[in-house]
Amino acid sequence: MYKGTYKDKEVAIKVLRLETQKRDLEDFKKELEVLSFLKSEHVVNFIGAALEPKLCMVLEYCPQGSLFQYMHDLRLKFTWDLLLKWIIETIKGVNCLHLWKPQIVHRDLKTPNLLVRLTSA
């Protein structure tokens, strides 16, 4: 992933590596197809794609990184209310994917161990 600019807005650019395996290319094409049609406030927005000079997708830029990265920022103070909010938002995003026809399975959800930080505070 790279950070770039498109129409004076910061964007994320996901570039397919040249040494990519055939399965990775198929996964990339599938993700491109899904994101180009899927519109939800709970899923990162697709902006566009390019074939040259490399195959890439242009996506909404999330300035604080992924939720996974954000949750591991040790400077943040976690509360049960914040954790519940994240859980609900995650469920809404996954539900959006599951309601899509044909149904989409995310296959890359991560589960950070925040309970240790919450119970030790």
Foldseek 3Di string as FASTA:
>chain_A
DDWDDDPNAIWDKAFDDPPDDPVVVVVVVVVVVVQVPQDDPLDWHWDAWDPPPTTMTITHDDVCPDPVSNLPPPVDQDEPVVVVVVVVSNVVNQVSQCVDVVHDDPPDDDDDDCVVRHVVD
